Amino acid sequence: MMSVFVRRVSVFVLVLLGFLSGRAALAQDGKAFTARATGQIVAVAPCDTNVCQTANVAGIATRLGSFTGELHEVVNTGTGAYTGDATFTFGGGGTITTRYTGQVLSAVNLFVAFQEEHTIVSSTGRLSGTTGTLEVLGTSDANLVLTISGAGQIVR
C-alpha cells in the first residue's frame, strides 16, 4: 500500500503560477509576475519504481489572468525529487505548457512542502510566443489539497 508521504508528493507544482526567467533575454525583456493557486491531487498510482500523480489547480496570475491547470508528474519516492509536464488554460483564450522539476522539502504529519521550477515550452492563442520561467512553493495536506504561490518572469 502506498504511504501517505508518497501520495502527498504533489504535482505541484503546480503549479503553475509564476513563470520565472533565468535567461539573459528574460532578464532584459521579461516582465515580473506572481501567481497563486489552489487545487487537488486527483490521481496517484505506481509507475515503474516511482509514483505518478495528476493534479488539477485553479488560480490567478498577474499579467496573465485567471487559469486552470492540469499537472502530471513522476515522483521518486526515495529522494522526493520529481519531474512533470503541466498545461495551463487562461481566460480569454490561450494556453501555456511547462516542463518542471520539483523537490519535496519536508513531510511532517501528513503535511508536505515542496518547490518547483517551471519552464514554458509552448504557448497558444493570445499567449502565443510567450516564454519564461516560474519558481513555485507549495503545500499539500492530508486530504491532498494543494496551496501554491509562485513568482517569475515572462516575455510576451
N, C-alpha and C. Protein backbone atom coordinates (compact mmCIF):
# COMPACT_ATOMS: atom_id res chain seq x y z
N MET A 1 0.84 -1.18 0.00
CA MET A 1 0.00 0.00 0.00
C MET A 1 0.89 1.24 0.00
N MET A 2 0.46 2.26 -0.69
CA MET A 2 1.24 3.48 -0.84
C MET A 2 1.21 4.30 0.44
N SER A 3 2.35 4.81 0.86
CA SER A 3 2.40 5.62 2.08
C SER A 3 1.79 6.99 1.83
N VAL A 4 1.38 7.63 2.89
CA VAL A 4 0.79 8.96 2.80
C VAL A 4 1.82 9.92 2.22
N PHE A 5 3.08 9.74 2.59
CA PHE A 5 4.14 10.61 2.07
C PHE A 5 4.15 10.57 0.55
N VAL A 6 4.07 9.38 -0.01
CA VAL A 6 4.12 9.23 -1.46
C VAL A 6 2.91 9.90 -2.10
N ARG A 7 1.75 9.75 -1.51
CA ARG A 7 0.55 10.35 -2.08
C ARG A 7 0.64 11.86 -2.06
N ARG A 8 1.38 12.41 -1.12
CA ARG A 8 1.43 13.85 -0.97
C ARG A 8 2.45 14.52 -1.86
N VAL A 9 3.42 13.82 -2.27
CA VAL A 9 4.46 14.42 -3.07
C VAL A 9 3.78 15.00 -4.30
N SER A 10 3.21 16.07 -4.10
CA SER A 10 2.30 16.69 -5.02
C SER A 10 2.89 17.10 -6.34
N VAL A 11 1.98 17.19 -7.20
CA VAL A 11 2.29 17.61 -8.54
C VAL A 11 2.64 19.07 -8.53
N PHE A 12 2.77 19.49 -7.83
CA PHE A 12 2.94 20.91 -7.75
C PHE A 12 4.24 21.36 -8.10
N VAL A 13 3.36 21.39 -7.86
CA VAL A 13 3.89 22.06 -8.73
C VAL A 13 3.05 22.95 -9.16
N LEU A 14 2.65 22.70 -9.20
CA LEU A 14 1.78 23.35 -9.86
C LEU A 14 1.95 24.64 -10.16
N VAL A 15 2.09 24.17 -9.89
CA VAL A 15 1.80 24.64 -10.48
C VAL A 15 1.53 25.73 -10.95
N LEU A 16 1.44 25.97 -11.18
CA LEU A 16 1.68 26.99 -12.14
C LEU A 16 2.27 28.18 -11.53
N LEU A 17 1.88 28.85 -11.56
CA LEU A 17 2.00 30.12 -11.01
C LEU A 17 3.23 30.79 -11.47
N GLY A 18 3.65 31.44 -11.56
CA GLY A 18 4.67 32.35 -11.92
C GLY A 18 5.44 32.06 -13.12
N PHE A 19 6.10 32.00 -13.85
CA PHE A 19 6.99 31.58 -14.86
C PHE A 19 8.20 32.49 -14.87
N LEU A 20 9.16 32.16 -14.04
CA LEU A 20 10.33 33.00 -13.80
C LEU A 20 11.43 32.72 -14.80
N SER A 21 12.13 33.73 -15.19
CA SER A 21 13.11 33.56 -16.23
C SER A 21 14.52 33.58 -15.71
N GLY A 22 15.31 32.69 -16.25
CA GLY A 22 16.71 32.69 -15.88
C GLY A 22 17.61 33.01 -17.03
N ARG A 23 17.07 33.25 -18.17
CA ARG A 23 17.89 33.51 -19.34
C ARG A 23 18.14 35.00 -19.51
N ALA A 24 19.19 35.33 -20.17
CA ALA A 24 19.55 36.74 -20.35
C ALA A 24 18.44 37.53 -21.04
N ALA A 25 17.82 36.95 -22.05
CA ALA A 25 16.75 37.67 -22.75
C ALA A 25 15.61 37.98 -21.80
N LEU A 26 15.29 37.04 -20.94
CA LEU A 26 14.21 37.28 -19.99
C LEU A 26 14.63 38.30 -18.95
N ALA A 27 15.86 38.26 -18.56
CA ALA A 27 16.34 39.23 -17.58
C ALA A 27 16.23 40.64 -18.15
N GLN A 28 16.49 40.80 -19.45
CA GLN A 28 16.42 42.11 -20.09
C GLN A 28 15.00 42.52 -20.41
N ASP A 29 14.25 41.64 -21.05
CA ASP A 29 12.94 41.98 -21.57
C ASP A 29 11.78 41.43 -20.77
N GLY A 30 12.05 40.59 -19.79
CA GLY A 30 10.99 39.92 -19.06
C GLY A 30 10.19 40.86 -18.17
N LYS A 31 8.96 40.46 -17.93
CA LYS A 31 8.08 41.19 -17.04
C LYS A 31 7.80 40.28 -15.85
N ALA A 32 7.99 40.84 -14.66
CA ALA A 32 7.75 40.06 -13.44
C ALA A 32 6.26 39.79 -13.29
N PHE A 33 5.95 38.65 -12.71
CA PHE A 33 4.57 38.35 -12.38
C PHE A 33 4.53 37.41 -11.18
N THR A 34 3.38 37.34 -10.55
CA THR A 34 3.16 36.43 -9.44
C THR A 34 1.92 35.61 -9.74
N ALA A 35 1.80 34.48 -9.06
CA ALA A 35 0.65 33.61 -9.26
C ALA A 35 0.32 32.90 -7.96
N ARG A 36 -0.96 32.63 -7.80
CA ARG A 36 -1.45 31.87 -6.65
C ARG A 36 -2.49 30.89 -7.18
N ALA A 37 -2.50 29.69 -6.57
CA ALA A 37 -3.47 28.68 -6.99
C ALA A 37 -3.78 27.73 -5.85
N THR A 38 -4.92 27.10 -5.95
CA THR A 38 -5.28 26.01 -5.06
C THR A 38 -5.71 24.86 -5.95
N GLY A 39 -5.70 23.67 -5.40
CA GLY A 39 -6.08 22.53 -6.22
C GLY A 39 -6.14 21.25 -5.44
N GLN A 40 -6.12 20.17 -6.17
CA GLN A 40 -6.29 18.85 -5.59
C GLN A 40 -5.48 17.83 -6.38
N ILE A 41 -4.80 16.96 -5.67
CA ILE A 41 -4.19 15.80 -6.32
C ILE A 41 -5.34 14.83 -6.57
N VAL A 42 -5.59 14.49 -7.83
CA VAL A 42 -6.76 13.70 -8.17
C VAL A 42 -6.45 12.25 -8.53
N ALA A 43 -5.18 11.94 -8.76
CA ALA A 43 -4.80 10.56 -9.08
C ALA A 43 -3.38 10.30 -8.60
N VAL A 44 -3.20 9.13 -7.98
CA VAL A 44 -1.88 8.68 -7.54
C VAL A 44 -1.80 7.19 -7.86
N ALA A 45 -0.76 6.79 -8.59
CA ALA A 45 -0.62 5.38 -8.97
C ALA A 45 0.85 5.03 -9.10
N PRO A 46 1.20 3.77 -8.81
CA PRO A 46 2.58 3.35 -9.03
C PRO A 46 2.89 3.34 -10.53
N CYS A 47 4.11 3.74 -10.87
CA CYS A 47 4.57 3.64 -12.26
C CYS A 47 6.05 3.29 -12.19
N ASP A 48 6.37 2.14 -12.71
CA ASP A 48 7.72 1.58 -12.57
C ASP A 48 8.07 1.54 -11.09
N THR A 49 9.19 2.11 -10.71
CA THR A 49 9.58 2.13 -9.29
C THR A 49 9.21 3.46 -8.64
N ASN A 50 8.50 4.30 -9.35
CA ASN A 50 8.12 5.63 -8.86
C ASN A 50 6.61 5.70 -8.62
N VAL A 51 6.14 6.91 -8.38
CA VAL A 51 4.71 7.17 -8.25
C VAL A 51 4.34 8.24 -9.26
N CYS A 52 3.26 8.01 -9.99
CA CYS A 52 2.75 9.01 -10.93
C CYS A 52 1.55 9.71 -10.30
N GLN A 53 1.48 11.02 -10.47
CA GLN A 53 0.40 11.80 -9.89
C GLN A 53 -0.18 12.74 -10.92
N THR A 54 -1.45 13.07 -10.74
CA THR A 54 -2.12 14.09 -11.54
C THR A 54 -2.79 15.05 -10.57
N ALA A 55 -2.68 16.34 -10.87
CA ALA A 55 -3.31 17.36 -10.03
C ALA A 55 -4.03 18.35 -10.92
N ASN A 56 -5.11 18.90 -10.40
CA ASN A 56 -5.85 19.98 -11.05
C ASN A 56 -5.77 21.20 -10.16
N VAL A 57 -5.52 22.36 -10.76
CA VAL A 57 -5.42 23.61 -9.99
C VAL A 57 -6.21 24.71 -10.68
N ALA A 58 -6.52 25.75 -9.91
CA ALA A 58 -7.14 26.96 -10.44
C ALA A 58 -6.57 28.13 -9.68
N GLY A 59 -6.35 29.25 -10.38
CA GLY A 59 -5.76 30.39 -9.71
C GLY A 59 -5.76 31.62 -10.59
N ILE A 60 -4.91 32.56 -10.19
CA ILE A 60 -4.78 33.80 -10.94
C ILE A 60 -3.31 34.21 -10.99
N ALA A 61 -2.90 34.77 -12.12
CA ALA A 61 -1.52 35.23 -12.30
C ALA A 61 -1.56 36.67 -12.81
N THR A 62 -0.77 37.54 -12.20
CA THR A 62 -0.69 38.91 -12.70
C THR A 62 -0.16 38.85 -14.13
N ARG A 63 -0.56 39.78 -14.97
CA ARG A 63 -0.18 39.88 -16.38
C ARG A 63 -0.79 38.81 -17.27
N LEU A 64 -1.34 37.74 -16.67
CA LEU A 64 -1.89 36.65 -17.48
C LEU A 64 -3.37 36.40 -17.21
N GLY A 65 -3.83 36.61 -16.01
CA GLY A 65 -5.23 36.42 -15.66
C GLY A 65 -5.51 35.10 -14.97
N SER A 66 -6.81 34.77 -14.88
CA SER A 66 -7.19 33.54 -14.20
C SER A 66 -6.90 32.34 -15.09
N PHE A 67 -6.67 31.20 -14.42
CA PHE A 67 -6.30 30.00 -15.15
C PHE A 67 -6.78 28.75 -14.43
N THR A 68 -6.83 27.67 -15.18
CA THR A 68 -6.95 26.32 -14.63
C THR A 68 -5.76 25.54 -15.17
N GLY A 69 -5.37 24.50 -14.47
CA GLY A 69 -4.22 23.73 -14.93
C GLY A 69 -4.34 22.27 -14.59
N GLU A 70 -3.69 21.46 -15.41
CA GLU A 70 -3.58 20.03 -15.15
C GLU A 70 -2.11 19.68 -15.18
N LEU A 71 -1.66 19.04 -14.10
CA LEU A 71 -0.24 18.70 -13.97
C LEU A 71 -0.08 17.19 -13.84
N HIS A 72 0.94 16.66 -14.51
CA HIS A 72 1.26 15.23 -14.46
C HIS A 72 2.72 15.12 -14.06
N GLU A 73 2.99 14.32 -13.02
CA GLU A 73 4.38 14.20 -12.59
C GLU A 73 4.72 12.78 -12.19
N VAL A 74 6.04 12.53 -12.21
CA VAL A 74 6.60 11.25 -11.78
C VAL A 74 7.51 11.55 -10.60
N VAL A 75 7.20 10.92 -9.45
CA VAL A 75 7.89 11.20 -8.20
C VAL A 75 8.78 10.02 -7.80
N ASN A 76 10.03 10.33 -7.50
CA ASN A 76 10.95 9.34 -6.95
C ASN A 76 10.67 9.28 -5.45
N THR A 77 10.11 8.17 -4.99
CA THR A 77 9.72 8.07 -3.58
C THR A 77 10.91 7.96 -2.64
N GLY A 78 12.06 7.62 -3.16
CA GLY A 78 13.25 7.53 -2.33
C GLY A 78 13.87 8.89 -2.02
N THR A 79 13.85 9.78 -3.01
CA THR A 79 14.52 11.08 -2.85
C THR A 79 13.54 12.25 -2.73
N GLY A 80 12.30 12.07 -3.16
CA GLY A 80 11.33 13.17 -3.17
C GLY A 80 11.49 14.09 -4.37
N ALA A 81 12.41 13.77 -5.28
CA ALA A 81 12.58 14.57 -6.50
C ALA A 81 11.52 14.15 -7.51
N TYR A 82 11.08 15.09 -8.35
CA TYR A 82 10.11 14.75 -9.37
C TYR A 82 10.24 15.63 -10.59
N THR A 83 9.66 15.13 -11.68
CA THR A 83 9.61 15.87 -12.94
C THR A 83 8.17 15.82 -13.44
N GLY A 84 7.80 16.81 -14.25
CA GLY A 84 6.44 16.80 -14.76
C GLY A 84 6.21 17.73 -15.92
N ASP A 85 5.00 17.64 -16.44
CA ASP A 85 4.50 18.50 -17.51
C ASP A 85 3.17 19.07 -17.06
N ALA A 86 2.93 20.32 -17.39
CA ALA A 86 1.68 20.97 -16.99
C ALA A 86 1.14 21.80 -18.15
N THR A 87 -0.18 21.86 -18.24
CA THR A 87 -0.82 22.74 -19.21
C THR A 87 -1.79 23.63 -18.45
N PHE A 88 -1.64 24.95 -18.64
CA PHE A 88 -2.49 25.94 -18.00
C PHE A 88 -3.31 26.64 -19.07
N THR A 89 -4.60 26.71 -18.84
CA THR A 89 -5.52 27.37 -19.76
C THR A 89 -5.99 28.67 -19.12
N PHE A 90 -5.84 29.77 -19.87
CA PHE A 90 -6.15 31.10 -19.35
C PHE A 90 -7.44 31.64 -19.95
N GLY A 91 -8.14 32.47 -19.15
CA GLY A 91 -9.32 33.15 -19.64
C GLY A 91 -8.96 34.00 -20.85
N GLY A 92 -9.89 34.17 -21.76
CA GLY A 92 -9.62 34.98 -22.94
C GLY A 92 -8.97 34.19 -24.05
N GLY A 93 -8.73 32.91 -23.84
CA GLY A 93 -8.16 32.06 -24.88
C GLY A 93 -6.66 32.05 -24.87
N GLY A 94 -6.08 30.94 -24.62
CA GLY A 94 -4.63 30.79 -24.63
C GLY A 94 -4.20 29.76 -23.61
N THR A 95 -3.15 29.05 -23.95
CA THR A 95 -2.58 28.07 -23.03
C THR A 95 -1.07 28.28 -22.92
N ILE A 96 -0.56 27.81 -21.80
CA ILE A 96 0.89 27.74 -21.59
C ILE A 96 1.19 26.33 -21.10
N THR A 97 2.17 25.69 -21.72
CA THR A 97 2.61 24.37 -21.30
C THR A 97 4.01 24.50 -20.72
N THR A 98 4.22 23.86 -19.57
CA THR A 98 5.53 23.92 -18.91
C THR A 98 6.06 22.51 -18.68
N ARG A 99 7.38 22.44 -18.56
CA ARG A 99 8.07 21.26 -18.04
C ARG A 99 8.69 21.73 -16.74
N TYR A 100 8.70 20.85 -15.75
CA TYR A 100 9.22 21.29 -14.46
C TYR A 100 9.92 20.18 -13.71
N THR A 101 10.76 20.63 -12.79
CA THR A 101 11.38 19.74 -11.82
C THR A 101 10.93 20.21 -10.45
N GLY A 102 10.86 19.28 -9.51
CA GLY A 102 10.44 19.64 -8.17
C GLY A 102 11.15 18.82 -7.13
N GLN A 103 10.97 19.24 -5.88
CA GLN A 103 11.59 18.54 -4.76
C GLN A 103 10.70 18.70 -3.53
N VAL A 104 10.44 17.58 -2.88
CA VAL A 104 9.75 17.64 -1.59
C VAL A 104 10.76 18.20 -0.59
N LEU A 105 10.36 19.26 0.12
CA LEU A 105 11.25 19.90 1.09
C LEU A 105 11.08 19.31 2.48
N SER A 106 9.85 18.96 2.83
CA SER A 106 9.58 18.33 4.12
C SER A 106 8.26 17.61 4.06
N ALA A 107 8.13 16.59 4.89
CA ALA A 107 6.89 15.82 5.00
C ALA A 107 6.72 15.48 6.47
N VAL A 108 5.81 16.19 7.14
CA VAL A 108 5.60 16.00 8.57
C VAL A 108 4.11 15.92 8.85
N ASN A 109 3.69 14.87 9.55
CA ASN A 109 2.28 14.73 9.96
C ASN A 109 1.31 14.94 8.80
N LEU A 110 1.56 14.29 7.69
CA LEU A 110 0.70 14.34 6.51
C LEU A 110 0.66 15.71 5.82
N PHE A 111 1.60 16.57 6.15
CA PHE A 111 1.71 17.89 5.55
C PHE A 111 3.01 17.91 4.76
N VAL A 112 2.93 18.20 3.45
CA VAL A 112 4.10 18.17 2.58
C VAL A 112 4.36 19.58 2.04
N ALA A 113 5.61 20.00 2.11
CA ALA A 113 6.04 21.27 1.49
C ALA A 113 6.94 20.91 0.30
N PHE A 114 6.79 21.65 -0.80
CA PHE A 114 7.57 21.35 -1.99
C PHE A 114 7.92 22.62 -2.74
N GLN A 115 8.90 22.52 -3.64
CA GLN A 115 9.28 23.62 -4.53
C GLN A 115 9.42 23.08 -5.93
N GLU A 116 9.11 23.95 -6.91
CA GLU A 116 9.20 23.55 -8.31
C GLU A 116 9.80 24.68 -9.15
N GLU A 117 10.42 24.28 -10.26
CA GLU A 117 10.94 25.23 -11.25
C GLU A 117 10.33 24.85 -12.60
N HIS A 118 9.49 25.75 -13.12
CA HIS A 118 8.80 25.53 -14.40
C HIS A 118 9.48 26.33 -15.50
N THR A 119 9.54 25.74 -16.69
CA THR A 119 9.99 26.44 -17.90
C THR A 119 8.90 26.32 -18.95
N ILE A 120 8.49 27.43 -19.53
CA ILE A 120 7.48 27.40 -20.58
C ILE A 120 8.09 26.76 -21.82
N VAL A 121 7.41 25.73 -22.34
CA VAL A 121 7.90 25.05 -23.53
C VAL A 121 7.02 25.30 -24.75
N SER A 122 5.79 25.76 -24.53
CA SER A 122 4.94 26.14 -25.66
C SER A 122 3.78 26.99 -25.15
N SER A 123 3.16 27.72 -26.10
CA SER A 123 2.03 28.57 -25.75
C SER A 123 1.15 28.74 -26.99
N THR A 124 -0.15 28.98 -26.76
CA THR A 124 -1.08 29.11 -27.87
C THR A 124 -2.01 30.30 -27.66
N GLY A 125 -2.80 30.58 -28.70
CA GLY A 125 -3.82 31.62 -28.62
C GLY A 125 -3.25 32.98 -28.30
N ARG A 126 -3.94 33.73 -27.46
CA ARG A 126 -3.49 35.08 -27.11
C ARG A 126 -2.14 35.09 -26.43
N LEU A 127 -1.66 33.92 -25.99
CA LEU A 127 -0.36 33.82 -25.33
C LEU A 127 0.73 33.27 -26.24
N SER A 128 0.45 33.10 -27.53
CA SER A 128 1.44 32.56 -28.47
C SER A 128 2.74 33.35 -28.38
N GLY A 129 3.84 32.63 -28.36
CA GLY A 129 5.15 33.26 -28.30
C GLY A 129 5.63 33.58 -26.90
N THR A 130 4.80 33.33 -25.89
CA THR A 130 5.21 33.60 -24.51
C THR A 130 6.30 32.63 -24.09
N THR A 131 7.35 33.15 -23.48
CA THR A 131 8.42 32.33 -22.92
C THR A 131 8.65 32.77 -21.49
N GLY A 132 9.37 31.97 -20.73
CA GLY A 132 9.69 32.37 -19.37
C GLY A 132 9.83 31.20 -18.42
N THR A 133 10.00 31.54 -17.16
CA THR A 133 10.15 30.53 -16.12
C THR A 133 9.35 30.94 -14.89
N LEU A 134 9.18 30.00 -14.00
CA LEU A 134 8.39 30.19 -12.79
C LEU A 134 8.99 29.40 -11.64
N GLU A 135 9.09 30.02 -10.49
CA GLU A 135 9.51 29.36 -9.26
C GLU A 135 8.28 29.20 -8.39
N VAL A 136 8.01 28.00 -7.90
CA VAL A 136 6.81 27.73 -7.13
C VAL A 136 7.16 27.14 -5.77
N LEU A 137 6.45 27.59 -4.74
CA LEU A 137 6.48 26.96 -3.43
C LEU A 137 5.06 26.54 -3.12
N GLY A 138 4.89 25.36 -2.54
CA GLY A 138 3.54 24.90 -2.26
C GLY A 138 3.48 23.91 -1.14
N THR A 139 2.24 23.60 -0.77
CA THR A 139 1.98 22.60 0.26
C THR A 139 0.85 21.69 -0.18
N SER A 140 0.84 20.51 0.41
CA SER A 140 -0.23 19.53 0.23
C SER A 140 -0.60 19.04 1.63
N ASP A 141 -1.91 18.94 1.91
CA ASP A 141 -2.32 18.49 3.24
C ASP A 141 -2.76 17.03 3.23
N ALA A 142 -3.30 16.57 4.34
CA ALA A 142 -3.70 15.16 4.49
C ALA A 142 -4.79 14.76 3.50
N ASN A 143 -5.54 15.70 2.98
CA ASN A 143 -6.59 15.42 2.01
C ASN A 143 -6.13 15.64 0.57
N LEU A 144 -4.83 15.82 0.38
CA LEU A 144 -4.22 16.05 -0.92
C LEU A 144 -4.64 17.37 -1.55
N VAL A 145 -5.01 18.33 -0.71
CA VAL A 145 -5.37 19.67 -1.17
C VAL A 145 -4.09 20.48 -1.31
N LEU A 146 -3.96 21.18 -2.43
CA LEU A 146 -2.76 21.95 -2.75
C LEU A 146 -2.98 23.44 -2.55
N THR A 147 -1.96 24.10 -2.05
CA THR A 147 -1.92 25.56 -1.99
C THR A 147 -0.57 25.96 -2.56
N ILE A 148 -0.59 26.85 -3.56
CA ILE A 148 0.64 27.16 -4.30
C ILE A 148 0.79 28.65 -4.51
N SER A 149 2.03 29.13 -4.45
CA SER A 149 2.32 30.52 -4.84
C SER A 149 3.63 30.51 -5.63
N GLY A 150 3.74 31.45 -6.55
CA GLY A 150 4.92 31.47 -7.39
C GLY A 150 5.23 32.87 -7.89
N ALA A 151 6.43 33.01 -8.41
CA ALA A 151 6.87 34.27 -8.99
C ALA A 151 7.82 33.95 -10.13
N GLY A 152 7.80 34.82 -11.12
CA GLY A 152 8.67 34.58 -12.25
C GLY A 152 8.72 35.76 -13.17
N GLN A 153 9.20 35.49 -14.37
CA GLN A 153 9.25 36.49 -15.43
C GLN A 153 8.78 35.85 -16.71
N ILE A 154 8.09 36.64 -17.51
CA ILE A 154 7.65 36.16 -18.81
C ILE A 154 8.00 37.21 -19.87
N VAL A 155 8.15 36.72 -21.07
CA VAL A 155 8.33 37.58 -22.23
C VAL A 155 7.19 37.24 -23.17
N ARG A 156 6.44 38.27 -23.59
CA ARG A 156 5.30 38.05 -24.49
C ARG A 156 5.49 38.86 -25.74
